[in-house]
Amino acid sequence: MEDRELEAHPDFAANLLEQIFCLWVEPELERRGLPVDRSSIRKALVTFSPDQAQVPVVAINEEAELIGSIRATRDIQAGEPVTEDDVAEIEGLEPANIDPNNGWIAYAVLRGQGFIQFDLRYNKERASQVLGLASEYVTAAEACLKLSPRPAVDNLYSAAELSVHAQMFGTNSTTKQHWRRAKWLDAWAELKNVPANHPTILDQLHKERAAARYGDGQLSLTPDELLSMISHVREMISFAARRTGAFDKGTLPTPRDS
């Protein structure tokens, strides 16, 4: 997010920039025995590990390897050198060569204007792997739906729960207990961080699980309801992919229409 985009929210922009320097950049300059001079900082990158025991890593100026998406002032051919005069606007920043499971904040200055972008979601690679597995479970459910509805329901429940598991990874929290995942999703829905129907879908599938996995009674979902449930679970996975960053990474298998 760049300063120009934050003009409508000047307090947020100013506070964020102040935090970058006060919490990370200036203490790092002091630790290195360097002058605490903000005007000398052209680039900065702060990375945060999911391992809370590790302190943030601060890279300054040449150490901060950033990739900028720009709008150019001219037609630039592949391989041509690019200078500041060729850049009309920075449209995005992202770090190069960092652990994809880390969160980060990047800062860069171009022609005297500061730009900030951040992605504080943790475990994007781990979330991608989990959501890929969730897509496999949905595919398995779809394949056996007509002949084996009970295994289909069990697979759908696993897929829906994995979509929650992936989102918990993004907030650097996890659990092996089903009820805790459901409780987390309920709280997230109350905060309007997920669609309101997601907890309902997970709860419906959980109620069917005893009949599906252990033969404890009959399934209550009709074939049409099960077919609709496949679409709902695919939507849960797609939402989780966008929310965790797995969608941006392009690692999630493309869902088929149910």
C-alpha atoms as a PDB file:
ATOM      1  CA  MET A   1       0.000   0.000   0.000  1.00  0.00           C
ATOM      2  CA  GLU A   2       1.510   3.262  -1.022  1.00  0.00           C
ATOM      3  CA  ASP A   3       1.322   6.679   0.613  1.00  0.00           C
ATOM      4  CA  ARG A   4      -0.718   8.109  -2.269  1.00  0.00           C
ATOM      5  CA  GLU A   5      -3.412   5.479  -1.670  1.00  0.00           C
ATOM      6  CA  LEU A   6      -3.495   6.381   2.015  1.00  0.00           C
ATOM      7  CA  GLU A   7      -4.208  10.079   1.536  1.00  0.00           C
ATOM      8  CA  ALA A   8      -7.832   9.429   2.498  1.00  0.00           C
ATOM      9  CA  HIS A   9      -6.567   7.961   5.781  1.00  0.00           C
ATOM     10  CA  PRO A  10      -3.669  10.216   6.773  1.00  0.00           C
ATOM     11  CA  ASP A  11      -3.581   9.084  10.397  1.00  0.00           C
ATOM     12  CA  PHE A  12      -3.212   5.457   9.385  1.00  0.00           C
ATOM     13  CA  ALA A  13      -0.457   6.260   6.882  1.00  0.00           C
ATOM     14  CA  ALA A  14       1.461   8.434   9.311  1.00  0.00           C
ATOM     15  CA  ASN A  15       1.098   5.947  12.166  1.00  0.00           C
ATOM     16  CA  LEU A  16       2.165   3.025  10.019  1.00  0.00           C
ATOM     17  CA  LEU A  17       5.258   4.846   8.775  1.00  0.00           C
ATOM     18  CA  GLU A  18       6.094   5.900  12.329  1.00  0.00           C
ATOM     19  CA  GLN A  19       5.790   2.304  13.528  1.00  0.00           C
ATOM     20  CA  ILE A  20       8.073   1.022  10.778  1.00  0.00           C
ATOM     21  CA  PHE A  21      10.826   3.381  11.876  1.00  0.00           C
ATOM     22  CA  CYS A  22      10.260   3.412  15.640  1.00  0.00           C
ATOM     23  CA  LEU A  23       9.667  -0.302  16.129  1.00  0.00           C
ATOM     24  CA  TRP A  24      12.124  -1.778  13.650  1.00  0.00           C
ATOM     25  CA  VAL A  25      14.287   0.452  11.449  1.00  0.00           C
ATOM     26  CA  GLU A  26      15.676   2.903  14.013  1.00  0.00           C
ATOM     27  CA  PRO A  27      16.406   0.205  16.645  1.00  0.00           C
ATOM     28  CA  GLU A  28      18.224  -1.742  13.931  1.00  0.00           C
ATOM     29  CA  LEU A  29      20.304   1.319  13.022  1.00  0.00           C
ATOM     30  CA  GLU A  30      21.181   1.775  16.684  1.00  0.00           C
ATOM     31  CA  ARG A  31      22.077  -1.904  17.028  1.00  0.00           C
ATOM     32  CA  ARG A  32      24.479  -1.546  14.112  1.00  0.00           C
ATOM     33  CA  GLY A  33      25.988   1.633  15.514  1.00  0.00           C
ATOM     34  CA  LEU A  34      24.756   3.685  12.543  1.00  0.00           C
ATOM     35  CA  PRO A  35      23.288   7.223  12.637  1.00  0.00           C
ATOM     36  CA  VAL A  36      19.537   7.269  13.198  1.00  0.00           C
ATOM     37  CA  ASP A  37      18.788   9.308  10.086  1.00  0.00           C
ATOM     38  CA  ARG A  38      15.485   8.626   8.380  1.00  0.00           C
ATOM     39  CA  SER A  39      16.501  10.556   5.277  1.00  0.00           C
ATOM     40  CA  SER A  40      19.215   7.962   4.617  1.00  0.00           C
ATOM     41  CA  ILE A  41      16.687   5.124   4.318  1.00  0.00           C
ATOM     42  CA  ARG A  42      15.744   4.433   0.700  1.00  0.00           C
ATOM     43  CA  LYS A  43      14.414   0.918   1.241  1.00  0.00           C
ATOM     44  CA  ALA A  44      13.485  -1.235   4.216  1.00  0.00           C
ATOM     45  CA  LEU A  45      12.043  -4.704   4.592  1.00  0.00           C
ATOM     46  CA  VAL A  46      10.839  -6.217   7.860  1.00  0.00           C
ATOM     47  CA  THR A  47      10.010  -9.931   7.860  1.00  0.00           C
ATOM     48  CA  PHE A  48       8.138 -11.799  10.582  1.00  0.00           C
ATOM     49  CA  SER A  49       8.535 -15.526  11.133  1.00  0.00           C
ATOM     50  CA  PRO A  50       5.615 -17.709  12.267  1.00  0.00           C
ATOM     51  CA  ASP A  51       8.035 -18.886  14.943  1.00  0.00           C
ATOM     52  CA  GLN A  52       7.282 -16.294  17.600  1.00  0.00           C
ATOM     53  CA  ALA A  53      10.612 -17.018  19.277  1.00  0.00           C
ATOM     54  CA  GLN A  54      12.389 -15.398  16.340  1.00  0.00           C
ATOM     55  CA  VAL A  55      12.680 -11.615  16.300  1.00  0.00           C
ATOM     56  CA  PRO A  56      11.742  -9.743  13.109  1.00  0.00           C
ATOM     57  CA  VAL A  57      14.530  -9.460  10.545  1.00  0.00           C
ATOM     58  CA  VAL A  58      15.199  -5.921   9.313  1.00  0.00           C
ATOM     59  CA  ALA A  59      16.908  -5.331   5.960  1.00  0.00           C
ATOM     60  CA  ILE A  60      17.936  -1.778   5.070  1.00  0.00           C
ATOM     61  CA  ASN A  61      18.726  -0.104   1.726  1.00  0.00           C
ATOM     62  CA  GLU A  62      20.707  -2.479  -0.524  1.00  0.00           C
ATOM     63  CA  GLU A  63      19.929  -5.420   1.781  1.00  0.00           C
ATOM     64  CA  ALA A  64      16.214  -5.050   1.100  1.00  0.00           C
ATOM     65  CA  GLU A  65      15.509  -6.946  -2.113  1.00  0.00           C
ATOM     66  CA  LEU A  66      12.164  -5.691  -3.390  1.00  0.00           C
ATOM     67  CA  ILE A  67      10.247  -6.274  -6.592  1.00  0.00           C
ATOM     68  CA  GLY A  68       8.198  -3.324  -7.788  1.00  0.00           C
ATOM     69  CA  SER A  69       5.222  -3.413 -10.126  1.00  0.00           C
ATOM     70  CA  ILE A  70       5.361  -0.152 -12.047  1.00  0.00           C
ATOM     71  CA  ARG A  71       3.528   1.911 -14.623  1.00  0.00           C
ATOM     72  CA  ALA A  72       6.200   3.003 -17.092  1.00  0.00           C
ATOM     73  CA  THR A  73       6.578   6.376 -18.809  1.00  0.00           C
ATOM     74  CA  ARG A  74       7.601   4.698 -22.069  1.00  0.00           C
ATOM     75  CA  ASP A  75       7.567   1.408 -23.918  1.00  0.00           C
ATOM     76  CA  ILE A  76      10.328  -0.634 -22.290  1.00  0.00           C
ATOM     77  CA  GLN A  77      11.741  -3.601 -24.169  1.00  0.00           C
ATOM     78  CA  ALA A  78      12.801  -6.787 -22.424  1.00  0.00           C
ATOM     79  CA  GLY A  79      16.364  -6.545 -21.139  1.00  0.00           C
ATOM     80  CA  GLU A  80      16.518  -2.748 -21.242  1.00  0.00           C
ATOM     81  CA  PRO A  81      17.852  -0.968 -18.153  1.00  0.00           C
ATOM     82  CA  VAL A  82      15.194   0.912 -16.186  1.00  0.00           C
ATOM     83  CA  THR A  83      15.847   4.169 -14.327  1.00  0.00           C
ATOM     84  CA  GLU A  84      13.707   6.346 -12.066  1.00  0.00           C
ATOM     85  CA  ASP A  85      12.808   8.501 -15.084  1.00  0.00           C
ATOM     86  CA  ASP A  86      11.125   5.469 -16.668  1.00  0.00           C
ATOM     87  CA  VAL A  87       8.798   4.977 -13.679  1.00  0.00           C
ATOM     88  CA  ALA A  88       5.559   6.949 -13.684  1.00  0.00           C
ATOM     89  CA  GLU A  89       4.143   5.171 -10.665  1.00  0.00           C
ATOM     90  CA  ILE A  90       4.803   2.237  -8.346  1.00  0.00           C
ATOM     91  CA  GLU A  91       1.697   0.064  -8.300  1.00  0.00           C
ATOM     92  CA  GLY A  92       2.962  -2.580  -5.887  1.00  0.00           C
ATOM     93  CA  LEU A  93       5.914  -3.821  -3.853  1.00  0.00           C
ATOM     94  CA  GLU A  94       6.828  -7.290  -2.702  1.00  0.00           C
ATOM     95  CA  PRO A  95       9.958  -8.853  -1.257  1.00  0.00           C
ATOM     96  CA  ALA A  96      12.198 -11.176  -3.221  1.00  0.00           C
ATOM     97  CA  ASN A  97      13.727 -14.341  -1.822  1.00  0.00           C
ATOM     98  CA  ILE A  98      11.957 -14.608   1.535  1.00  0.00           C
ATOM     99  CA  ASP A  99      10.332 -17.588   3.200  1.00  0.00           C
ATOM    100  CA  PRO A 100       6.768 -17.696   1.786  1.00  0.00           C
ATOM    101  CA  ASN A 101       5.482 -18.517   5.269  1.00  0.00           C
ATOM    102  CA  ASN A 102       6.713 -15.175   6.643  1.00  0.00           C
ATOM    103  CA  GLY A 103       4.744 -11.978   7.001  1.00  0.00           C
ATOM    104  CA  TRP A 104       6.380  -8.758   5.834  1.00  0.00           C
ATOM    105  CA  ILE A 105       6.307  -4.954   5.579  1.00  0.00           C
ATOM    106  CA  ALA A 106       8.168  -3.177   2.762  1.00  0.00           C
ATOM    107  CA  TYR A 107       9.059   0.496   2.422  1.00  0.00           C
ATOM    108  CA  ALA A 108      10.678   2.237  -0.556  1.00  0.00           C
ATOM    109  CA  VAL A 109      11.315   5.816  -1.667  1.00  0.00           C
ATOM    110  CA  LEU A 110      11.156   6.908  -5.294  1.00  0.00           C
ATOM    111  CA  ARG A 111      11.828  10.524  -6.264  1.00  0.00           C
ATOM    112  CA  GLY A 112      11.139  11.624  -2.701  1.00  0.00           C
ATOM    113  CA  GLN A 113       7.827   9.805  -2.374  1.00  0.00           C
ATOM    114  CA  GLY A 114       7.436   6.953   0.088  1.00  0.00           C
ATOM    115  CA  PHE A 115       5.604   3.704  -0.679  1.00  0.00           C
ATOM    116  CA  ILE A 116       4.499   1.072   1.823  1.00  0.00           C
ATOM    117  CA  GLN A 117       3.074  -2.380   1.235  1.00  0.00           C
ATOM    118  CA  PHE A 118       2.575  -5.229   3.651  1.00  0.00           C
ATOM    119  CA  ASP A 119       1.289  -8.770   3.901  1.00  0.00           C
ATOM    120  CA  LEU A 120       1.049  -9.964   7.492  1.00  0.00           C
ATOM    121  CA  ARG A 121      -0.521 -13.315   6.683  1.00  0.00           C
ATOM    122  CA  TYR A 122       1.592 -16.184   7.954  1.00  0.00           C
ATOM    123  CA  ASN A 123       2.089 -19.667   6.532  1.00  0.00           C
ATOM    124  CA  LYS A 124       0.951 -18.962   2.969  1.00  0.00           C
ATOM    125  CA  GLU A 125       2.835 -21.958   1.612  1.00  0.00           C
ATOM    126  CA  ARG A 126       1.488 -24.263   4.326  1.00  0.00           C
ATOM    127  CA  ALA A 127      -2.025 -22.980   3.706  1.00  0.00           C
ATOM    128  CA  SER A 128      -1.590 -23.675  -0.014  1.00  0.00           C
ATOM    129  CA  GLN A 129      -0.639 -27.269   0.698  1.00  0.00           C
ATOM    130  CA  VAL A 130      -3.610 -27.762   3.022  1.00  0.00           C
ATOM    131  CA  LEU A 131      -6.042 -26.263   0.506  1.00  0.00           C
ATOM    132  CA  GLY A 132      -4.622 -28.423  -2.261  1.00  0.00           C
ATOM    133  CA  LEU A 133      -5.428 -31.434  -0.093  1.00  0.00           C
ATOM    134  CA  ALA A 134      -8.913 -30.034   0.570  1.00  0.00           C
ATOM    135  CA  SER A 135      -9.507 -29.838  -3.197  1.00  0.00           C
ATOM    136  CA  GLU A 136      -8.464 -33.479  -3.527  1.00  0.00           C
ATOM    137  CA  TYR A 137     -11.031 -34.483  -0.907  1.00  0.00           C
ATOM    138  CA  VAL A 138     -13.784 -32.611  -2.769  1.00  0.00           C
ATOM    139  CA  THR A 139     -12.783 -34.270  -6.030  1.00  0.00           C
ATOM    140  CA  ALA A 140     -12.936 -37.668  -4.295  1.00  0.00           C
ATOM    141  CA  ALA A 141     -16.368 -36.814  -2.852  1.00  0.00           C
ATOM    142  CA  GLU A 142     -17.661 -35.813  -6.261  1.00  0.00           C
ATOM    143  CA  ALA A 143     -16.336 -39.007  -7.873  1.00  0.00           C
ATOM    144  CA  CYS A 144     -18.032 -41.355  -5.407  1.00  0.00           C
ATOM    145  CA  LEU A 145     -21.176 -39.325  -4.697  1.00  0.00           C
ATOM    146  CA  LYS A 146     -23.686 -41.469  -6.619  1.00  0.00           C
ATOM    147  CA  LEU A 147     -22.400 -44.909  -5.663  1.00  0.00           C
ATOM    148  CA  SER A 148     -20.948 -44.202  -2.208  1.00  0.00           C
ATOM    149  CA  PRO A 149     -22.652 -41.228  -0.548  1.00  0.00           C
ATOM    150  CA  ARG A 150     -21.302 -41.990   2.928  1.00  0.00           C
ATOM    151  CA  PRO A 151     -17.615 -41.753   1.918  1.00  0.00           C
ATOM    152  CA  ALA A 152     -18.568 -38.678  -0.108  1.00  0.00           C
ATOM    153  CA  VAL A 153     -19.939 -36.962   3.007  1.00  0.00           C
ATOM    154  CA  ASP A 154     -16.884 -37.922   5.050  1.00  0.00           C
ATOM    155  CA  ASN A 155     -14.608 -36.476   2.367  1.00  0.00           C
ATOM    156  CA  LEU A 156     -16.667 -33.291   2.171  1.00  0.00           C
ATOM    157  CA  TYR A 157     -16.394 -32.795   5.905  1.00  0.00           C
ATOM    158  CA  SER A 158     -12.615 -33.236   5.712  1.00  0.00           C
ATOM    159  CA  ALA A 159     -12.429 -30.703   2.869  1.00  0.00           C
ATOM    160  CA  ALA A 160     -14.537 -28.115   4.697  1.00  0.00           C
ATOM    161  CA  GLU A 161     -12.531 -28.514   7.879  1.00  0.00           C
ATOM    162  CA  LEU A 162      -9.251 -28.204   5.973  1.00  0.00           C
ATOM    163  CA  SER A 163     -10.433 -24.851   4.590  1.00  0.00           C
ATOM    164  CA  VAL A 164     -10.780 -23.676   8.203  1.00  0.00           C
ATOM    165  CA  HIS A 165      -7.431 -25.210   9.139  1.00  0.00           C
ATOM    166  CA  ALA A 166      -5.743 -23.245   6.332  1.00  0.00           C
ATOM    167  CA  GLN A 167      -7.247 -19.965   7.513  1.00  0.00           C
ATOM    168  CA  MET A 168      -6.092 -20.634  11.053  1.00  0.00           C
ATOM    169  CA  PHE A 169      -2.585 -21.122   9.649  1.00  0.00           C
ATOM    170  CA  GLY A 170      -2.856 -17.607   8.208  1.00  0.00           C
ATOM    171  CA  THR A 171      -3.339 -16.182  11.691  1.00  0.00           C
ATOM    172  CA  ASN A 172      -0.533 -18.408  13.014  1.00  0.00           C
ATOM    173  CA  SER A 173      -2.883 -20.520  15.103  1.00  0.00           C
ATOM    174  CA  THR A 174      -3.731 -24.195  14.775  1.00  0.00           C
ATOM    175  CA  THR A 175      -5.361 -27.059  16.629  1.00  0.00           C
ATOM    176  CA  LYS A 176      -5.960 -30.790  16.196  1.00  0.00           C
ATOM    177  CA  GLN A 177      -9.398 -30.650  17.827  1.00  0.00           C
ATOM    178  CA  HIS A 178     -12.487 -30.534  15.627  1.00  0.00           C
ATOM    179  CA  TRP A 179     -14.555 -28.508  18.075  1.00  0.00           C
ATOM    180  CA  ARG A 180     -11.877 -25.829  18.367  1.00  0.00           C
ATOM    181  CA  ARG A 181     -11.810 -25.370  14.592  1.00  0.00           C
ATOM    182  CA  ALA A 182     -15.587 -25.042  14.579  1.00  0.00           C
ATOM    183  CA  LYS A 183     -15.484 -22.543  17.446  1.00  0.00           C
ATOM    184  CA  TRP A 184     -12.804 -20.521  15.653  1.00  0.00           C
ATOM    185  CA  LEU A 185     -14.950 -20.406  12.505  1.00  0.00           C
ATOM    186  CA  ASP A 186     -18.003 -19.312  14.511  1.00  0.00           C
ATOM    187  CA  ALA A 187     -16.024 -16.436  16.034  1.00  0.00           C
ATOM    188  CA  TRP A 188     -14.615 -15.470  12.641  1.00  0.00           C
ATOM    189  CA  ALA A 189     -18.118 -15.376  11.156  1.00  0.00           C
ATOM    190  CA  GLU A 190     -19.349 -13.161  14.010  1.00  0.00           C
ATOM    191  CA  LEU A 191     -16.555 -10.749  13.120  1.00  0.00           C
ATOM    192  CA  LYS A 192     -17.681 -10.953   9.462  1.00  0.00           C
ATOM    193  CA  ASN A 193     -14.275 -12.274   8.449  1.00  0.00           C
ATOM    194  CA  VAL A 194     -15.905 -15.237   6.667  1.00  0.00           C
ATOM    195  CA  PRO A 195     -19.320 -15.640   5.015  1.00  0.00           C
ATOM    196  CA  ALA A 196     -22.069 -16.311   7.510  1.00  0.00           C
ATOM    197  CA  ASN A 197     -23.024 -19.659   5.931  1.00  0.00           C
ATOM    198  CA  HIS A 198     -19.593 -21.273   6.367  1.00  0.00           C
ATOM    199  CA  PRO A 199     -20.129 -22.338  10.002  1.00  0.00           C
ATOM    200  CA  THR A 200     -23.529 -23.744   9.021  1.00  0.00           C
ATOM    201  CA  ILE A 201     -22.004 -25.868   6.258  1.00  0.00           C
ATOM    202  CA  LEU A 202     -19.292 -27.198   8.562  1.00  0.00           C
ATOM    203  CA  ASP A 203     -21.859 -27.951  11.266  1.00  0.00           C
ATOM    204  CA  GLN A 204     -24.180 -29.789   8.852  1.00  0.00           C
ATOM    205  CA  LEU A 205     -21.360 -31.998   7.614  1.00  0.00           C
ATOM    206  CA  HIS A 206     -20.154 -32.653  11.154  1.00  0.00           C
ATOM    207  CA  LYS A 207     -23.642 -33.823  12.163  1.00  0.00           C
ATOM    208  CA  GLU A 208     -23.636 -36.258   9.223  1.00  0.00           C
ATOM    209  CA  ARG A 209     -20.162 -37.570  10.015  1.00  0.00           C
ATOM    210  CA  ALA A 210     -21.182 -40.274  12.515  1.00  0.00           C
ATOM    211  CA  ALA A 211     -23.558 -41.817   9.974  1.00  0.00           C
ATOM    212  CA  ALA A 212     -21.065 -41.336   7.152  1.00  0.00           C
ATOM    213  CA  ARG A 213     -17.945 -42.744   8.801  1.00  0.00           C
ATOM    214  CA  TYR A 214     -19.232 -45.144  11.434  1.00  0.00           C
ATOM    215  CA  GLY A 215     -22.654 -46.165  10.105  1.00  0.00           C
ATOM    216  CA  ASP A 216     -24.306 -44.582  13.117  1.00  0.00           C
ATOM    217  CA  GLY A 217     -27.767 -44.039  11.624  1.00  0.00           C
ATOM    218  CA  GLN A 218     -28.794 -42.879   8.168  1.00  0.00           C
ATOM    219  CA  LEU A 219     -27.670 -39.839   6.236  1.00  0.00           C
ATOM    220  CA  SER A 220     -30.225 -37.052   6.366  1.00  0.00           C
ATOM    221  CA  LEU A 221     -28.908 -35.152   3.327  1.00  0.00           C
ATOM    222  CA  THR A 222     -30.668 -35.926   0.054  1.00  0.00           C
ATOM    223  CA  PRO A 223     -28.705 -36.527  -3.170  1.00  0.00           C
ATOM    224  CA  ASP A 224     -29.610 -33.019  -4.379  1.00  0.00           C
ATOM    225  CA  GLU A 225     -28.501 -31.524  -1.064  1.00  0.00           C
ATOM    226  CA  LEU A 226     -25.217 -33.423  -1.270  1.00  0.00           C
ATOM    227  CA  LEU A 227     -24.629 -32.131  -4.788  1.00  0.00           C
ATOM    228  CA  SER A 228     -25.273 -28.595  -3.574  1.00  0.00           C
ATOM    229  CA  MET A 229     -22.968 -29.204  -0.604  1.00  0.00           C
ATOM    230  CA  ILE A 230     -20.094 -29.931  -2.995  1.00  0.00           C
ATOM    231  CA  SER A 231     -20.496 -26.474  -4.498  1.00  0.00           C
ATOM    232  CA  HIS A 232     -20.626 -24.891  -1.039  1.00  0.00           C
ATOM    233  CA  VAL A 233     -17.445 -26.639   0.100  1.00  0.00           C
ATOM    234  CA  ARG A 234     -15.629 -25.651  -3.098  1.00  0.00           C
ATOM    235  CA  GLU A 235     -16.619 -22.063  -2.371  1.00  0.00           C
ATOM    236  CA  MET A 236     -15.244 -22.392   1.173  1.00  0.00           C
ATOM    237  CA  ILE A 237     -11.931 -23.571  -0.267  1.00  0.00           C
ATOM    238  CA  SER A 238     -11.793 -20.765  -2.829  1.00  0.00           C
ATOM    239  CA  PHE A 239     -12.565 -18.193  -0.144  1.00  0.00           C
ATOM    240  CA  ALA A 240      -9.842 -19.613   2.104  1.00  0.00           C
ATOM    241  CA  ALA A 241      -7.384 -19.524  -0.804  1.00  0.00           C
ATOM    242  CA  ARG A 242      -8.046 -15.831  -1.406  1.00  0.00           C
ATOM    243  CA  ARG A 243      -7.943 -15.007   2.286  1.00  0.00           C
ATOM    244  CA  THR A 244      -4.682 -16.847   3.002  1.00  0.00           C
ATOM    245  CA  GLY A 245      -2.816 -15.837  -0.150  1.00  0.00           C
ATOM    246  CA  ALA A 246      -2.824 -19.318  -1.677  1.00  0.00           C
ATOM    247  CA  PHE A 247      -4.923 -17.902  -4.535  1.00  0.00           C
ATOM    248  CA  ASP A 248      -2.227 -15.287  -5.262  1.00  0.00           C
ATOM    249  CA  LYS A 249       0.452 -17.960  -5.377  1.00  0.00           C
ATOM    250  CA  GLY A 250      -1.438 -19.925  -7.995  1.00  0.00           C
ATOM    251  CA  THR A 251      -0.793 -23.249  -6.240  1.00  0.00           C
ATOM    252  CA  LEU A 252      -4.402 -24.230  -5.648  1.00  0.00           C
ATOM    253  CA  PRO A 253      -5.959 -26.689  -8.118  1.00  0.00           C
ATOM    254  CA  THR A 254      -8.730 -25.029 -10.111  1.00  0.00           C
ATOM    255  CA  PRO A 255     -12.119 -26.243  -8.847  1.00  0.00           C
ATOM    256  CA  ARG A 256     -14.409 -27.884 -11.386  1.00  0.00           C
ATOM    257  CA  ASP A 257     -18.025 -26.866 -11.633  1.00  0.00           C
ATOM    258  CA  SER A 258     -20.141 -29.254  -9.614  1.00  0.00           C
END
